[in-house]
């Protein structure tokens, strides 16, 4: 196993562990911290896969802007009593835990049985595929129509939000 594969698997484990810790914490601030750890480990994971642009966007957009929004919402809600947020153990939780355990066992068996190491191989031009220039070229040539439709939908959403906000204050 190469060093890059070892780093990949360690980061994958940190990502999975932080995601599990995020959804199992009763305190929303602790959950937000584990979500930040998850976002950062995913961005480093993207770097190991030579996807530099996605790694930077992951940090800027998700770990930065989205997490600031989450923390503001958590602080505005002012959740004092953590006991109200916790659920009691029931049969549904047991069934969900069994299904999750089965999925992890299936993934582990698939990784162990894969003797060819196909999941560790990268494309030969992966350094070029992850660069901003390549993504920009593909975005503005092959995918220009979906890009323009997305920008139009965002403009309509902004106009709608401003219209609803003006009505509320009138």
N, C-alpha and C. Protein backbone atom coordinates (compact mmCIF):
# COMPACT_ATOMS: atom_id res chain seq x y z
N UNK A 1 0.86 -1.18 0.00
CA UNK A 1 0.00 0.00 0.00
C UNK A 1 0.90 1.23 0.00
N UNK A 2 0.63 2.12 -0.91
CA UNK A 2 1.44 3.32 -1.03
C UNK A 2 1.06 4.34 0.03
N UNK A 3 1.90 5.36 0.16
CA UNK A 3 1.63 6.42 1.13
C UNK A 3 0.36 7.18 0.77
N UNK A 4 0.15 7.41 -0.52
CA UNK A 4 -1.04 8.12 -0.96
C UNK A 4 -2.30 7.33 -0.63
N UNK A 5 -2.27 6.03 -0.78
CA UNK A 5 -3.43 5.20 -0.43
C UNK A 5 -3.66 5.21 1.07
N UNK A 6 -2.59 5.19 1.85
CA UNK A 6 -2.72 5.24 3.31
C UNK A 6 -3.34 6.56 3.76
N UNK A 7 -2.87 7.67 3.18
CA UNK A 7 -3.44 8.98 3.51
C UNK A 7 -4.91 9.03 3.10
N UNK A 8 -5.22 8.47 1.94
CA UNK A 8 -6.60 8.44 1.48
C UNK A 8 -7.50 7.71 2.47
N UNK A 9 -7.07 6.52 2.91
CA UNK A 9 -7.91 5.74 3.82
C UNK A 9 -8.02 6.39 5.20
N UNK A 10 -6.96 7.03 5.67
CA UNK A 10 -7.04 7.73 6.96
C UNK A 10 -8.02 8.89 6.86
N UNK A 11 -7.94 9.66 5.77
CA UNK A 11 -8.87 10.78 5.59
C UNK A 11 -10.30 10.29 5.40
N UNK A 12 -10.46 9.17 4.72
CA UNK A 12 -11.80 8.61 4.57
C UNK A 12 -12.36 8.20 5.93
N UNK A 13 -11.52 7.61 6.77
CA UNK A 13 -11.97 7.23 8.11
C UNK A 13 -12.33 8.46 8.94
N UNK A 14 -11.52 9.52 8.86
CA UNK A 14 -11.82 10.76 9.60
C UNK A 14 -13.13 11.35 9.10
N UNK A 15 -13.36 11.31 7.80
CA UNK A 15 -14.61 11.84 7.23
C UNK A 15 -15.82 11.06 7.73
N UNK A 16 -15.71 9.75 7.72
CA UNK A 16 -16.84 8.92 8.17
C UNK A 16 -17.06 9.08 9.67
N UNK A 17 -15.98 9.10 10.44
CA UNK A 17 -16.11 9.24 11.89
C UNK A 17 -16.70 10.59 12.27
N UNK A 18 -16.25 11.66 11.62
CA UNK A 18 -16.79 12.98 11.94
C UNK A 18 -18.25 13.11 11.51
N UNK A 19 -18.63 12.44 10.42
CA UNK A 19 -20.04 12.47 10.00
C UNK A 19 -20.91 11.73 11.01
N UNK A 20 -20.43 10.59 11.50
CA UNK A 20 -21.20 9.84 12.51
C UNK A 20 -21.29 10.64 13.80
N UNK A 21 -20.17 11.24 14.22
CA UNK A 21 -20.20 12.05 15.44
C UNK A 21 -21.10 13.28 15.27
N UNK A 22 -21.15 13.82 14.05
CA UNK A 22 -21.99 14.99 13.81
C UNK A 22 -23.47 14.67 14.01
N UNK A 23 -23.92 13.54 13.51
CA UNK A 23 -25.36 13.24 13.60
C UNK A 23 -25.75 12.62 14.92
N UNK A 24 -24.78 12.23 15.74
CA UNK A 24 -25.12 11.61 17.03
C UNK A 24 -25.00 12.57 18.21
N UNK A 25 -24.53 13.78 18.01
CA UNK A 25 -24.38 14.75 19.11
C UNK A 25 -25.71 15.46 19.35
N UNK A 26 -26.03 15.64 20.62
CA UNK A 26 -27.25 16.37 20.98
C UNK A 26 -27.02 17.87 20.94
N UNK A 27 -25.81 18.30 21.21
CA UNK A 27 -25.49 19.72 21.20
C UNK A 27 -25.26 20.17 19.75
N UNK A 28 -26.05 21.13 19.27
CA UNK A 28 -25.91 21.55 17.87
C UNK A 28 -24.59 22.23 17.55
N UNK A 29 -23.96 22.88 18.53
CA UNK A 29 -22.67 23.52 18.29
C UNK A 29 -21.60 22.45 18.08
N UNK A 30 -21.63 21.39 18.88
CA UNK A 30 -20.68 20.29 18.68
C UNK A 30 -20.92 19.62 17.34
N UNK A 31 -22.17 19.48 16.94
CA UNK A 31 -22.46 18.91 15.63
C UNK A 31 -21.89 19.79 14.52
N UNK A 32 -21.99 21.10 14.66
CA UNK A 32 -21.44 22.01 13.66
C UNK A 32 -19.92 21.90 13.60
N UNK A 33 -19.27 21.72 14.74
CA UNK A 33 -17.81 21.56 14.74
C UNK A 33 -17.41 20.27 14.03
N UNK A 34 -18.14 19.19 14.29
CA UNK A 34 -17.84 17.94 13.59
C UNK A 34 -18.13 18.06 12.10
N UNK A 35 -19.10 18.88 11.72
CA UNK A 35 -19.37 19.10 10.31
C UNK A 35 -18.22 19.86 9.66
N UNK A 36 -17.65 20.81 10.37
CA UNK A 36 -16.48 21.53 9.85
C UNK A 36 -15.31 20.57 9.66
N UNK A 37 -15.09 19.69 10.65
CA UNK A 37 -14.02 18.69 10.52
C UNK A 37 -14.28 17.80 9.30
N UNK A 38 -15.54 17.44 9.09
CA UNK A 38 -15.89 16.62 7.93
C UNK A 38 -15.59 17.36 6.64
N UNK A 39 -15.99 18.63 6.54
CA UNK A 39 -15.73 19.41 5.34
C UNK A 39 -14.23 19.53 5.06
N UNK A 40 -13.45 19.80 6.11
CA UNK A 40 -12.00 19.96 5.91
C UNK A 40 -11.35 18.65 5.51
N UNK A 41 -11.75 17.55 6.13
CA UNK A 41 -11.16 16.27 5.74
C UNK A 41 -11.55 15.89 4.32
N UNK A 42 -12.76 16.23 3.91
CA UNK A 42 -13.16 15.98 2.53
C UNK A 42 -12.35 16.82 1.55
N UNK A 43 -12.06 18.06 1.92
CA UNK A 43 -11.28 18.90 1.01
C UNK A 43 -9.85 18.37 0.87
N UNK A 44 -9.27 17.88 1.96
CA UNK A 44 -7.93 17.27 1.86
C UNK A 44 -8.01 15.98 1.05
N UNK A 45 -9.10 15.26 1.21
CA UNK A 45 -9.32 14.04 0.42
C UNK A 45 -9.38 14.37 -1.07
N UNK A 46 -10.05 15.47 -1.40
CA UNK A 46 -10.09 15.91 -2.80
C UNK A 46 -8.69 16.25 -3.31
N UNK A 47 -7.86 16.84 -2.45
CA UNK A 47 -6.49 17.14 -2.87
C UNK A 47 -5.70 15.88 -3.18
N UNK A 48 -5.92 14.82 -2.40
CA UNK A 48 -5.21 13.57 -2.69
C UNK A 48 -5.67 12.97 -4.01
N UNK A 49 -6.86 13.32 -4.45
CA UNK A 49 -7.38 12.82 -5.72
C UNK A 49 -7.09 13.78 -6.88
N UNK A 50 -6.24 14.78 -6.63
CA UNK A 50 -5.84 15.78 -7.63
C UNK A 50 -7.01 16.62 -8.13
N UNK A 51 -7.96 16.89 -7.26
CA UNK A 51 -9.09 17.77 -7.61
C UNK A 51 -8.92 19.06 -6.82
N UNK A 52 -7.97 19.89 -7.25
CA UNK A 52 -7.61 21.09 -6.50
C UNK A 52 -8.76 22.09 -6.45
N UNK A 53 -9.43 22.28 -7.55
CA UNK A 53 -10.51 23.27 -7.60
C UNK A 53 -11.65 22.89 -6.65
N UNK A 54 -12.04 21.62 -6.67
CA UNK A 54 -13.13 21.17 -5.79
C UNK A 54 -12.71 21.29 -4.33
N UNK A 55 -11.44 21.04 -4.03
CA UNK A 55 -10.96 21.17 -2.65
C UNK A 55 -11.06 22.61 -2.16
N UNK A 56 -10.66 23.55 -3.00
CA UNK A 56 -10.73 24.97 -2.61
C UNK A 56 -12.18 25.42 -2.46
N UNK A 57 -13.03 25.01 -3.38
CA UNK A 57 -14.45 25.37 -3.29
C UNK A 57 -15.08 24.75 -2.05
N UNK A 58 -14.69 23.54 -1.70
CA UNK A 58 -15.20 22.87 -0.49
C UNK A 58 -14.88 23.71 0.74
N UNK A 59 -13.67 24.23 0.82
CA UNK A 59 -13.28 25.03 1.99
C UNK A 59 -13.98 26.38 1.96
N UNK A 60 -13.97 27.04 0.81
CA UNK A 60 -14.54 28.39 0.74
C UNK A 60 -16.05 28.40 0.93
N UNK A 61 -16.74 27.56 0.18
CA UNK A 61 -18.20 27.60 0.20
C UNK A 61 -18.76 26.88 1.41
N UNK A 62 -18.38 25.63 1.60
CA UNK A 62 -19.02 24.84 2.66
C UNK A 62 -18.43 25.13 4.03
N UNK A 63 -17.12 24.95 4.19
CA UNK A 63 -16.52 25.17 5.51
C UNK A 63 -16.57 26.64 5.90
N UNK A 64 -16.64 27.53 4.93
CA UNK A 64 -16.69 28.95 5.23
C UNK A 64 -18.11 29.47 5.31
N UNK A 65 -18.72 29.69 4.17
CA UNK A 65 -20.01 30.38 4.11
C UNK A 65 -21.15 29.58 4.71
N UNK A 66 -21.29 28.33 4.36
CA UNK A 66 -22.41 27.53 4.85
C UNK A 66 -22.32 27.33 6.36
N UNK A 67 -21.10 27.11 6.86
CA UNK A 67 -20.97 26.90 8.31
C UNK A 67 -21.24 28.17 9.10
N UNK A 68 -20.89 29.32 8.56
CA UNK A 68 -21.24 30.58 9.22
C UNK A 68 -22.76 30.71 9.31
N UNK A 69 -23.44 30.36 8.23
CA UNK A 69 -24.90 30.39 8.23
C UNK A 69 -25.46 29.43 9.27
N UNK A 70 -24.94 28.20 9.33
CA UNK A 70 -25.41 27.21 10.31
C UNK A 70 -25.21 27.70 11.74
N UNK A 71 -24.03 28.27 12.01
CA UNK A 71 -23.75 28.73 13.38
C UNK A 71 -24.66 29.90 13.74
N UNK A 72 -24.92 30.80 12.80
CA UNK A 72 -25.86 31.90 13.08
C UNK A 72 -27.25 31.37 13.39
N UNK A 73 -27.72 30.39 12.63
CA UNK A 73 -29.04 29.81 12.89
C UNK A 73 -29.08 29.13 14.25
N UNK A 74 -28.02 28.41 14.58
CA UNK A 74 -27.96 27.75 15.88
C UNK A 74 -28.01 28.78 17.00
N UNK A 75 -27.27 29.86 16.86
CA UNK A 75 -27.26 30.89 17.89
C UNK A 75 -28.60 31.64 17.96
N UNK A 76 -29.25 31.83 16.82
CA UNK A 76 -30.54 32.50 16.83
C UNK A 76 -31.62 31.64 17.48
N UNK A 77 -31.55 30.32 17.28
CA UNK A 77 -32.54 29.43 17.88
C UNK A 77 -32.38 29.34 19.39
N UNK A 78 -31.15 29.51 19.88
CA UNK A 78 -30.86 29.53 21.31
C UNK A 78 -31.42 28.29 22.00
N UNK A 79 -30.95 27.14 21.59
CA UNK A 79 -31.43 25.88 22.15
C UNK A 79 -30.75 25.64 23.49
N UNK A 80 -31.50 25.80 24.57
CA UNK A 80 -30.93 25.66 25.91
C UNK A 80 -30.99 24.23 26.42
N UNK A 81 -32.14 23.59 26.28
CA UNK A 81 -32.36 22.28 26.85
C UNK A 81 -31.99 21.20 25.84
N UNK A 82 -30.84 20.53 26.07
CA UNK A 82 -30.40 19.49 25.15
C UNK A 82 -31.22 18.22 25.30
N UNK A 83 -31.87 18.01 26.42
CA UNK A 83 -32.64 16.79 26.63
C UNK A 83 -33.87 16.74 25.72
N UNK A 84 -34.37 17.89 25.33
CA UNK A 84 -35.51 17.91 24.41
C UNK A 84 -35.12 17.42 23.02
N UNK A 85 -33.83 17.55 22.67
CA UNK A 85 -33.37 17.19 21.34
C UNK A 85 -33.06 15.70 21.21
N UNK A 86 -32.90 15.00 22.32
CA UNK A 86 -32.52 13.60 22.24
C UNK A 86 -33.76 12.71 22.16
N UNK A 87 -33.63 11.64 21.40
CA UNK A 87 -34.70 10.67 21.25
C UNK A 87 -34.38 9.45 22.09
N UNK A 88 -35.41 8.77 22.51
CA UNK A 88 -35.22 7.54 23.26
C UNK A 88 -34.98 6.40 22.28
N UNK A 89 -34.35 5.35 22.80
CA UNK A 89 -34.06 4.17 21.98
C UNK A 89 -35.36 3.46 21.62
N UNK A 90 -35.51 3.11 20.36
CA UNK A 90 -36.69 2.36 19.93
C UNK A 90 -36.29 1.36 18.85
N UNK A 91 -37.25 0.63 18.35
CA UNK A 91 -36.99 -0.42 17.38
C UNK A 91 -36.49 0.15 16.06
N UNK A 92 -36.99 1.32 15.67
CA UNK A 92 -36.55 1.93 14.41
C UNK A 92 -35.06 2.23 14.42
N UNK A 93 -34.55 2.69 15.54
CA UNK A 93 -33.11 2.96 15.65
C UNK A 93 -32.31 1.66 15.54
N UNK A 94 -32.80 0.60 16.13
CA UNK A 94 -32.12 -0.69 16.05
C UNK A 94 -32.09 -1.19 14.62
N UNK A 95 -33.20 -1.09 13.91
CA UNK A 95 -33.26 -1.52 12.51
C UNK A 95 -32.33 -0.67 11.64
N UNK A 96 -32.32 0.63 11.87
CA UNK A 96 -31.44 1.52 11.12
C UNK A 96 -29.98 1.19 11.40
N UNK A 97 -29.65 0.91 12.65
CA UNK A 97 -28.27 0.55 12.99
C UNK A 97 -27.86 -0.75 12.31
N UNK A 98 -28.75 -1.71 12.25
CA UNK A 98 -28.45 -2.99 11.59
C UNK A 98 -28.22 -2.78 10.09
N UNK A 99 -29.05 -1.94 9.46
CA UNK A 99 -28.87 -1.66 8.03
C UNK A 99 -27.54 -0.95 7.77
N UNK A 100 -27.19 0.01 8.60
CA UNK A 100 -25.92 0.72 8.44
C UNK A 100 -24.76 -0.25 8.61
N UNK A 101 -24.86 -1.12 9.60
CA UNK A 101 -23.81 -2.11 9.82
C UNK A 101 -23.68 -3.03 8.61
N UNK A 102 -24.80 -3.45 8.02
CA UNK A 102 -24.76 -4.30 6.82
C UNK A 102 -24.12 -3.58 5.64
N UNK A 103 -24.40 -2.30 5.48
CA UNK A 103 -23.80 -1.53 4.39
C UNK A 103 -22.30 -1.44 4.57
N UNK A 104 -21.85 -1.16 5.80
CA UNK A 104 -20.41 -1.08 6.05
C UNK A 104 -19.73 -2.43 5.83
N UNK A 105 -20.37 -3.51 6.23
CA UNK A 105 -19.81 -4.85 6.00
C UNK A 105 -19.70 -5.12 4.50
N UNK A 106 -20.71 -4.74 3.74
CA UNK A 106 -20.70 -4.95 2.29
C UNK A 106 -19.58 -4.13 1.64
N UNK A 107 -19.39 -2.90 2.07
CA UNK A 107 -18.31 -2.06 1.54
C UNK A 107 -16.96 -2.66 1.89
N UNK A 108 -16.80 -3.11 3.13
CA UNK A 108 -15.53 -3.71 3.55
C UNK A 108 -15.23 -4.98 2.76
N UNK A 109 -16.24 -5.80 2.55
CA UNK A 109 -16.04 -7.02 1.77
C UNK A 109 -15.67 -6.70 0.32
N UNK A 110 -16.28 -5.67 -0.23
CA UNK A 110 -15.94 -5.25 -1.59
C UNK A 110 -14.52 -4.76 -1.70
N UNK A 111 -14.05 -4.01 -0.69
CA UNK A 111 -12.67 -3.52 -0.71
C UNK A 111 -11.67 -4.65 -0.53
N UNK A 112 -12.01 -5.59 0.35
CA UNK A 112 -11.09 -6.71 0.59
C UNK A 112 -11.03 -7.63 -0.61
N UNK A 113 -12.17 -7.89 -1.25
CA UNK A 113 -12.19 -8.83 -2.37
C UNK A 113 -11.61 -8.24 -3.65
N UNK A 114 -11.45 -6.94 -3.71
CA UNK A 114 -10.90 -6.32 -4.90
C UNK A 114 -9.38 -6.46 -4.88
N UNK A 115 -8.89 -7.50 -5.50
CA UNK A 115 -7.45 -7.76 -5.50
C UNK A 115 -6.72 -6.99 -6.58
N UNK A 116 -7.45 -6.49 -7.56
CA UNK A 116 -6.78 -5.80 -8.66
C UNK A 116 -6.37 -4.39 -8.28
N UNK A 117 -6.95 -3.83 -7.23
CA UNK A 117 -6.60 -2.47 -6.81
C UNK A 117 -7.14 -1.41 -7.73
N UNK A 118 -8.24 -1.71 -8.43
CA UNK A 118 -8.81 -0.73 -9.36
C UNK A 118 -9.23 0.54 -8.66
N UNK A 119 -9.69 0.44 -7.42
CA UNK A 119 -10.19 1.63 -6.74
C UNK A 119 -9.05 2.56 -6.32
N UNK A 120 -7.81 2.10 -6.37
CA UNK A 120 -6.67 2.94 -6.01
C UNK A 120 -6.05 3.64 -7.21
N UNK A 121 -6.42 3.24 -8.42
CA UNK A 121 -5.82 3.82 -9.61
C UNK A 121 -6.54 5.10 -10.00
N UNK A 122 -5.75 6.06 -10.46
CA UNK A 122 -6.30 7.32 -10.93
C UNK A 122 -6.09 7.43 -12.43
N UNK A 123 -6.82 8.33 -13.01
CA UNK A 123 -6.62 8.59 -14.43
C UNK A 123 -5.23 9.18 -14.64
N UNK A 124 -4.62 8.88 -15.77
CA UNK A 124 -3.27 9.39 -16.02
C UNK A 124 -3.23 10.91 -16.11
N UNK A 125 -4.29 11.50 -16.58
CA UNK A 125 -4.33 12.96 -16.71
C UNK A 125 -5.12 13.60 -15.57
N UNK A 126 -5.09 12.98 -14.38
CA UNK A 126 -5.88 13.51 -13.27
C UNK A 126 -5.37 14.86 -12.79
N UNK A 127 -4.08 15.13 -12.96
CA UNK A 127 -3.57 16.45 -12.58
C UNK A 127 -4.18 17.54 -13.44
N UNK A 128 -4.39 17.25 -14.71
CA UNK A 128 -5.01 18.23 -15.61
C UNK A 128 -6.51 18.34 -15.38
N UNK A 129 -7.16 17.23 -15.05
CA UNK A 129 -8.62 17.24 -14.87
C UNK A 129 -9.05 18.06 -13.67
N UNK A 130 -8.22 18.18 -12.64
CA UNK A 130 -8.61 18.90 -11.44
C UNK A 130 -8.30 20.38 -11.46
N UNK A 131 -7.67 20.87 -12.51
CA UNK A 131 -7.29 22.28 -12.56
C UNK A 131 -8.48 23.16 -12.94
N UNK A 132 -8.40 24.40 -12.52
CA UNK A 132 -9.47 25.36 -12.77
C UNK A 132 -9.64 25.61 -14.27
N UNK A 133 -8.53 25.63 -15.00
CA UNK A 133 -8.60 25.90 -16.43
C UNK A 133 -9.41 24.82 -17.16
N UNK A 134 -9.18 23.57 -16.80
CA UNK A 134 -9.90 22.47 -17.45
C UNK A 134 -11.39 22.53 -17.12
N UNK A 135 -11.70 22.77 -15.85
CA UNK A 135 -13.11 22.85 -15.44
C UNK A 135 -13.80 24.03 -16.11
N UNK A 136 -13.13 25.19 -16.16
CA UNK A 136 -13.69 26.36 -16.82
C UNK A 136 -13.92 26.14 -18.30
N UNK A 137 -12.95 25.48 -18.95
CA UNK A 137 -13.11 25.21 -20.38
C UNK A 137 -14.30 24.30 -20.64
N UNK A 138 -14.44 23.24 -19.86
CA UNK A 138 -15.57 22.32 -20.04
C UNK A 138 -16.89 23.01 -19.70
N UNK A 139 -16.87 23.83 -18.65
CA UNK A 139 -18.10 24.49 -18.21
C UNK A 139 -18.61 25.47 -19.26
N UNK A 140 -17.70 26.20 -19.89
CA UNK A 140 -18.13 27.23 -20.84
C UNK A 140 -18.14 26.76 -22.29
N UNK A 141 -17.85 25.49 -22.55
CA UNK A 141 -17.98 24.97 -23.91
C UNK A 141 -19.03 23.87 -23.96
N UNK A 142 -18.77 22.76 -23.28
CA UNK A 142 -19.69 21.62 -23.37
C UNK A 142 -20.96 21.82 -22.53
N UNK A 143 -20.86 22.55 -21.43
CA UNK A 143 -21.98 22.67 -20.50
C UNK A 143 -22.47 24.11 -20.36
N UNK A 144 -22.42 24.86 -21.43
CA UNK A 144 -22.83 26.27 -21.36
C UNK A 144 -24.33 26.43 -21.14
N UNK A 145 -25.15 25.57 -21.74
CA UNK A 145 -26.60 25.68 -21.57
C UNK A 145 -27.03 25.41 -20.13
N UNK A 146 -26.59 24.32 -19.49
CA UNK A 146 -26.95 24.13 -18.08
C UNK A 146 -26.41 25.24 -17.18
N UNK A 147 -25.22 25.77 -17.51
CA UNK A 147 -24.66 26.86 -16.73
C UNK A 147 -25.54 28.11 -16.82
N UNK A 148 -25.99 28.44 -18.01
CA UNK A 148 -26.84 29.61 -18.20
C UNK A 148 -28.21 29.41 -17.55
N UNK A 149 -28.76 28.21 -17.64
CA UNK A 149 -30.05 27.93 -16.99
C UNK A 149 -29.92 28.08 -15.48
N UNK A 150 -28.82 27.59 -14.92
CA UNK A 150 -28.58 27.72 -13.48
C UNK A 150 -28.47 29.19 -13.09
N UNK A 151 -27.75 29.98 -13.87
CA UNK A 151 -27.63 31.41 -13.55
C UNK A 151 -28.98 32.12 -13.64
N UNK A 152 -29.80 31.73 -14.60
CA UNK A 152 -31.13 32.32 -14.72
C UNK A 152 -32.01 31.96 -13.52
N UNK A 153 -31.94 30.71 -13.09
CA UNK A 153 -32.72 30.28 -11.92
C UNK A 153 -32.26 31.04 -10.67
N UNK A 154 -30.96 31.25 -10.52
CA UNK A 154 -30.46 32.00 -9.36
C UNK A 154 -30.93 33.45 -9.39
N UNK A 155 -30.95 34.08 -10.57
CA UNK A 155 -31.44 35.45 -10.67
C UNK A 155 -32.93 35.52 -10.31
N UNK A 156 -33.71 34.55 -10.79
CA UNK A 156 -35.14 34.51 -10.45
C UNK A 156 -35.33 34.31 -8.95
N UNK A 157 -34.51 33.47 -8.33
CA UNK A 157 -34.61 33.26 -6.88
C UNK A 157 -34.26 34.52 -6.11
N UNK A 158 -33.27 35.27 -6.55
CA UNK A 158 -32.90 36.52 -5.88
C UNK A 158 -34.01 37.54 -6.01
N UNK A 159 -34.58 37.68 -7.20
CA UNK A 159 -35.68 38.62 -7.40
C UNK A 159 -36.89 38.22 -6.55
N UNK A 160 -37.18 36.91 -6.49
CA UNK A 160 -38.28 36.44 -5.65
C UNK A 160 -38.05 36.70 -4.17
N UNK A 161 -36.83 36.51 -3.70
CA UNK A 161 -36.52 36.77 -2.29
C UNK A 161 -36.65 38.25 -1.97
N UNK A 162 -36.19 39.10 -2.87
CA UNK A 162 -36.32 40.55 -2.64
C UNK A 162 -37.78 40.96 -2.65
N UNK A 163 -38.57 40.42 -3.56
CA UNK A 163 -40.00 40.74 -3.62
C UNK A 163 -40.71 40.31 -2.34
N UNK A 164 -40.43 39.10 -1.87
CA UNK A 164 -41.07 38.63 -0.63
C UNK A 164 -40.61 39.46 0.57
N UNK A 165 -39.36 39.85 0.59
CA UNK A 165 -38.86 40.65 1.71
C UNK A 165 -39.49 42.04 1.71
N UNK A 166 -39.70 42.63 0.52
CA UNK A 166 -40.32 43.97 0.46
C UNK A 166 -41.78 43.90 0.91
N UNK A 167 -42.49 42.84 0.55
CA UNK A 167 -43.89 42.70 0.98
C UNK A 167 -44.00 42.59 2.49
N UNK A 168 -43.06 41.91 3.09
CA UNK A 168 -43.12 41.69 4.53
C UNK A 168 -42.94 43.00 5.30
N UNK A 169 -42.12 43.91 4.80
CA UNK A 169 -41.85 45.15 5.51
C UNK A 169 -42.79 46.27 5.11
N UNK A 170 -43.68 46.05 4.17
CA UNK A 170 -44.61 47.12 3.78
C UNK A 170 -45.86 47.13 4.62
